[in-house]
């Protein structure tokens, strides 16, 4: 199967909890992946209404990826002692599924109108 390289894949909300000095902080984050020809760029945001990804491909937070049949293997920090692998299943060119069964939906752009559909 093929993936889209023109737009972005945005995850469903991922709930997080963090404790700092006996203070519980929690919220939801969204993960955004942009596939290029050889690399994929990723970003984590807490608010989908204020996304600015104009420079996402200029950042150093990228991974290398390989598509095999209906799976994508992404390696972050490849060939280092900090290498991390992520596996995604390609359900369609519009939907990816990660190891934790979270869906990533394809959007053409990260404009507020388009992104609001991801929240639903």
C-alpha atoms as a PDB file:
ATOM      1  CA  UNK A   1       0.000   0.000   0.000  1.00  0.00           C
ATOM      2  CA  UNK A   2       1.007   3.605  -0.457  1.00  0.00           C
ATOM      3  CA  UNK A   3       1.101   6.494   1.959  1.00  0.00           C
ATOM      4  CA  UNK A   4       0.425  10.148   1.226  1.00  0.00           C
ATOM      5  CA  UNK A   5       3.458  12.416   1.152  1.00  0.00           C
ATOM      6  CA  UNK A   6       1.705  15.700   0.387  1.00  0.00           C
ATOM      7  CA  UNK A   7      -0.107  16.307   3.674  1.00  0.00           C
ATOM      8  CA  UNK A   8       0.063  15.187   7.285  1.00  0.00           C
ATOM      9  CA  UNK A   9      -1.102  12.307   9.463  1.00  0.00           C
ATOM     10  CA  UNK A  10      -2.565  13.455  12.788  1.00  0.00           C
ATOM     11  CA  UNK A  11      -3.114  11.046  15.675  1.00  0.00           C
ATOM     12  CA  UNK A  12      -6.222  10.758  17.738  1.00  0.00           C
ATOM     13  CA  UNK A  13      -5.765  12.349  21.186  1.00  0.00           C
ATOM     14  CA  UNK A  14      -3.148  10.651  23.361  1.00  0.00           C
ATOM     15  CA  UNK A  15      -3.752  11.161  27.084  1.00  0.00           C
ATOM     16  CA  UNK A  16      -0.697  11.826  29.275  1.00  0.00           C
ATOM     17  CA  UNK A  17      -0.071  12.157  33.011  1.00  0.00           C
ATOM     18  CA  UNK A  18       3.023  13.714  34.580  1.00  0.00           C
ATOM     19  CA  UNK A  19       3.878  14.213  38.232  1.00  0.00           C
ATOM     20  CA  UNK A  20       6.130  17.105  39.270  1.00  0.00           C
ATOM     21  CA  UNK A  21       6.779  17.823  42.948  1.00  0.00           C
ATOM     22  CA  UNK A  22       3.587  15.998  43.992  1.00  0.00           C
ATOM     23  CA  UNK A  23       1.570  17.999  41.473  1.00  0.00           C
ATOM     24  CA  UNK A  24      -0.371  15.971  38.931  1.00  0.00           C
ATOM     25  CA  UNK A  25      -0.406  17.397  35.422  1.00  0.00           C
ATOM     26  CA  UNK A  26      -2.415  15.767  32.668  1.00  0.00           C
ATOM     27  CA  UNK A  27      -3.782  16.507  29.259  1.00  0.00           C
ATOM     28  CA  UNK A  28      -4.065  15.322  25.705  1.00  0.00           C
ATOM     29  CA  UNK A  29      -1.483  15.549  22.954  1.00  0.00           C
ATOM     30  CA  UNK A  30      -1.684  14.961  19.240  1.00  0.00           C
ATOM     31  CA  UNK A  31       1.175  13.587  17.186  1.00  0.00           C
ATOM     32  CA  UNK A  32       1.730  14.791  13.658  1.00  0.00           C
ATOM     33  CA  UNK A  33       3.772  12.933  11.042  1.00  0.00           C
ATOM     34  CA  UNK A  34       4.825  14.330   7.677  1.00  0.00           C
ATOM     35  CA  UNK A  35       6.331  11.861   5.204  1.00  0.00           C
ATOM     36  CA  UNK A  36       8.873  13.099   2.686  1.00  0.00           C
ATOM     37  CA  UNK A  37      10.554  10.995   0.018  1.00  0.00           C
ATOM     38  CA  UNK A  38      13.174   9.556   2.381  1.00  0.00           C
ATOM     39  CA  UNK A  39      12.446  10.980   5.822  1.00  0.00           C
ATOM     40  CA  UNK A  40       9.471  11.523   8.072  1.00  0.00           C
ATOM     41  CA  UNK A  41       9.149  14.506  10.352  1.00  0.00           C
ATOM     42  CA  UNK A  42       7.165  14.491  13.559  1.00  0.00           C
ATOM     43  CA  UNK A  43       5.789  16.968  16.040  1.00  0.00           C
ATOM     44  CA  UNK A  44       3.747  16.800  19.228  1.00  0.00           C
ATOM     45  CA  UNK A  45       1.144  19.472  19.964  1.00  0.00           C
ATOM     46  CA  UNK A  46      -1.308  19.998  22.802  1.00  0.00           C
ATOM     47  CA  UNK A  47      -3.712  22.218  20.892  1.00  0.00           C
ATOM     48  CA  UNK A  48      -4.782  21.485  17.341  1.00  0.00           C
ATOM     49  CA  UNK A  49      -6.089  25.029  16.919  1.00  0.00           C
ATOM     50  CA  UNK A  50      -2.648  26.642  17.011  1.00  0.00           C
ATOM     51  CA  UNK A  51      -0.572  24.416  14.762  1.00  0.00           C
ATOM     52  CA  UNK A  52       2.259  25.996  12.804  1.00  0.00           C
ATOM     53  CA  UNK A  53       4.069  23.385  10.762  1.00  0.00           C
ATOM     54  CA  UNK A  54       5.564  25.655   8.119  1.00  0.00           C
ATOM     55  CA  UNK A  55       9.080  24.653   9.156  1.00  0.00           C
ATOM     56  CA  UNK A  56       8.471  21.032  10.199  1.00  0.00           C
ATOM     57  CA  UNK A  57      10.825  19.685   7.532  1.00  0.00           C
ATOM     58  CA  UNK A  58      13.577  22.068   8.697  1.00  0.00           C
ATOM     59  CA  UNK A  59      13.678  20.579  12.184  1.00  0.00           C
ATOM     60  CA  UNK A  60      16.057  17.912  13.370  1.00  0.00           C
ATOM     61  CA  UNK A  61      13.302  15.674  14.737  1.00  0.00           C
ATOM     62  CA  UNK A  62      13.044  13.264  11.860  1.00  0.00           C
ATOM     63  CA  UNK A  63      13.157   9.572  11.258  1.00  0.00           C
ATOM     64  CA  UNK A  64      13.946   7.303   8.361  1.00  0.00           C
ATOM     65  CA  UNK A  65      11.148   5.070   7.181  1.00  0.00           C
ATOM     66  CA  UNK A  66      10.604   2.004   5.063  1.00  0.00           C
ATOM     67  CA  UNK A  67       7.299   0.795   3.636  1.00  0.00           C
ATOM     68  CA  UNK A  68       6.799  -2.975   3.351  1.00  0.00           C
ATOM     69  CA  UNK A  69       3.436  -4.216   2.058  1.00  0.00           C
ATOM     70  CA  UNK A  70       1.014  -2.806   4.628  1.00  0.00           C
ATOM     71  CA  UNK A  71       3.501  -1.719   7.321  1.00  0.00           C
ATOM     72  CA  UNK A  72       5.783   1.247   7.887  1.00  0.00           C
ATOM     73  CA  UNK A  73       8.874   1.005  10.052  1.00  0.00           C
ATOM     74  CA  UNK A  74      10.194   4.341  11.294  1.00  0.00           C
ATOM     75  CA  UNK A  75      13.613   4.676  12.923  1.00  0.00           C
ATOM     76  CA  UNK A  76      14.234   7.798  14.976  1.00  0.00           C
ATOM     77  CA  UNK A  77      17.890   8.635  15.693  1.00  0.00           C
ATOM     78  CA  UNK A  78      18.929   5.852  13.305  1.00  0.00           C
ATOM     79  CA  UNK A  79      22.280   4.131  13.769  1.00  0.00           C
ATOM     80  CA  UNK A  80      22.874   5.637  17.199  1.00  0.00           C
ATOM     81  CA  UNK A  81      22.646   4.219  20.690  1.00  0.00           C
ATOM     82  CA  UNK A  82      19.367   6.150  21.038  1.00  0.00           C
ATOM     83  CA  UNK A  83      17.650   4.568  18.030  1.00  0.00           C
ATOM     84  CA  UNK A  84      13.917   4.042  18.500  1.00  0.00           C
ATOM     85  CA  UNK A  85      11.749   2.003  16.146  1.00  0.00           C
ATOM     86  CA  UNK A  86       8.047   2.542  15.574  1.00  0.00           C
ATOM     87  CA  UNK A  87       5.772   0.327  13.523  1.00  0.00           C
ATOM     88  CA  UNK A  88       2.592   1.451  11.806  1.00  0.00           C
ATOM     89  CA  UNK A  89       0.023  -0.577   9.917  1.00  0.00           C
ATOM     90  CA  UNK A  90      -1.330   1.017   6.761  1.00  0.00           C
ATOM     91  CA  UNK A  91      -5.095   0.522   6.850  1.00  0.00           C
ATOM     92  CA  UNK A  92      -5.505   2.776   3.804  1.00  0.00           C
ATOM     93  CA  UNK A  93      -3.683   5.745   2.311  1.00  0.00           C
ATOM     94  CA  UNK A  94      -5.838   7.867   4.648  1.00  0.00           C
ATOM     95  CA  UNK A  95      -5.412   5.943   7.941  1.00  0.00           C
ATOM     96  CA  UNK A  96      -2.375   4.565   9.789  1.00  0.00           C
ATOM     97  CA  UNK A  97      -2.497   2.533  12.995  1.00  0.00           C
ATOM     98  CA  UNK A  98       0.374   2.579  15.512  1.00  0.00           C
ATOM     99  CA  UNK A  99       1.517  -0.111  17.967  1.00  0.00           C
ATOM    100  CA  UNK A 100      -0.920   1.139  20.605  1.00  0.00           C
ATOM    101  CA  UNK A 101      -3.808   0.964  18.113  1.00  0.00           C
ATOM    102  CA  UNK A 102      -4.051   4.759  17.854  1.00  0.00           C
ATOM    103  CA  UNK A 103      -5.297   6.005  14.501  1.00  0.00           C
ATOM    104  CA  UNK A 104      -3.459   8.631  12.492  1.00  0.00           C
ATOM    105  CA  UNK A 105      -5.696  10.291   9.901  1.00  0.00           C
ATOM    106  CA  UNK A 106      -4.438  11.988   6.765  1.00  0.00           C
ATOM    107  CA  UNK A 107      -5.187  15.677   6.220  1.00  0.00           C
ATOM    108  CA  UNK A 108      -4.109  17.836   3.280  1.00  0.00           C
ATOM    109  CA  UNK A 109      -3.197  20.758   5.518  1.00  0.00           C
ATOM    110  CA  UNK A 110      -3.212  21.692   9.173  1.00  0.00           C
ATOM    111  CA  UNK A 111      -5.685  24.541   8.825  1.00  0.00           C
ATOM    112  CA  UNK A 112      -8.222  24.841  11.689  1.00  0.00           C
ATOM    113  CA  UNK A 113     -11.116  23.773   9.435  1.00  0.00           C
ATOM    114  CA  UNK A 114      -9.380  20.580   8.335  1.00  0.00           C
ATOM    115  CA  UNK A 115      -7.939  19.750  11.752  1.00  0.00           C
ATOM    116  CA  UNK A 116     -11.315  20.121  13.492  1.00  0.00           C
ATOM    117  CA  UNK A 117     -12.485  17.022  11.605  1.00  0.00           C
ATOM    118  CA  UNK A 118      -9.692  14.985  13.204  1.00  0.00           C
ATOM    119  CA  UNK A 119     -11.019  15.781  16.686  1.00  0.00           C
ATOM    120  CA  UNK A 120     -14.406  14.234  15.885  1.00  0.00           C
END
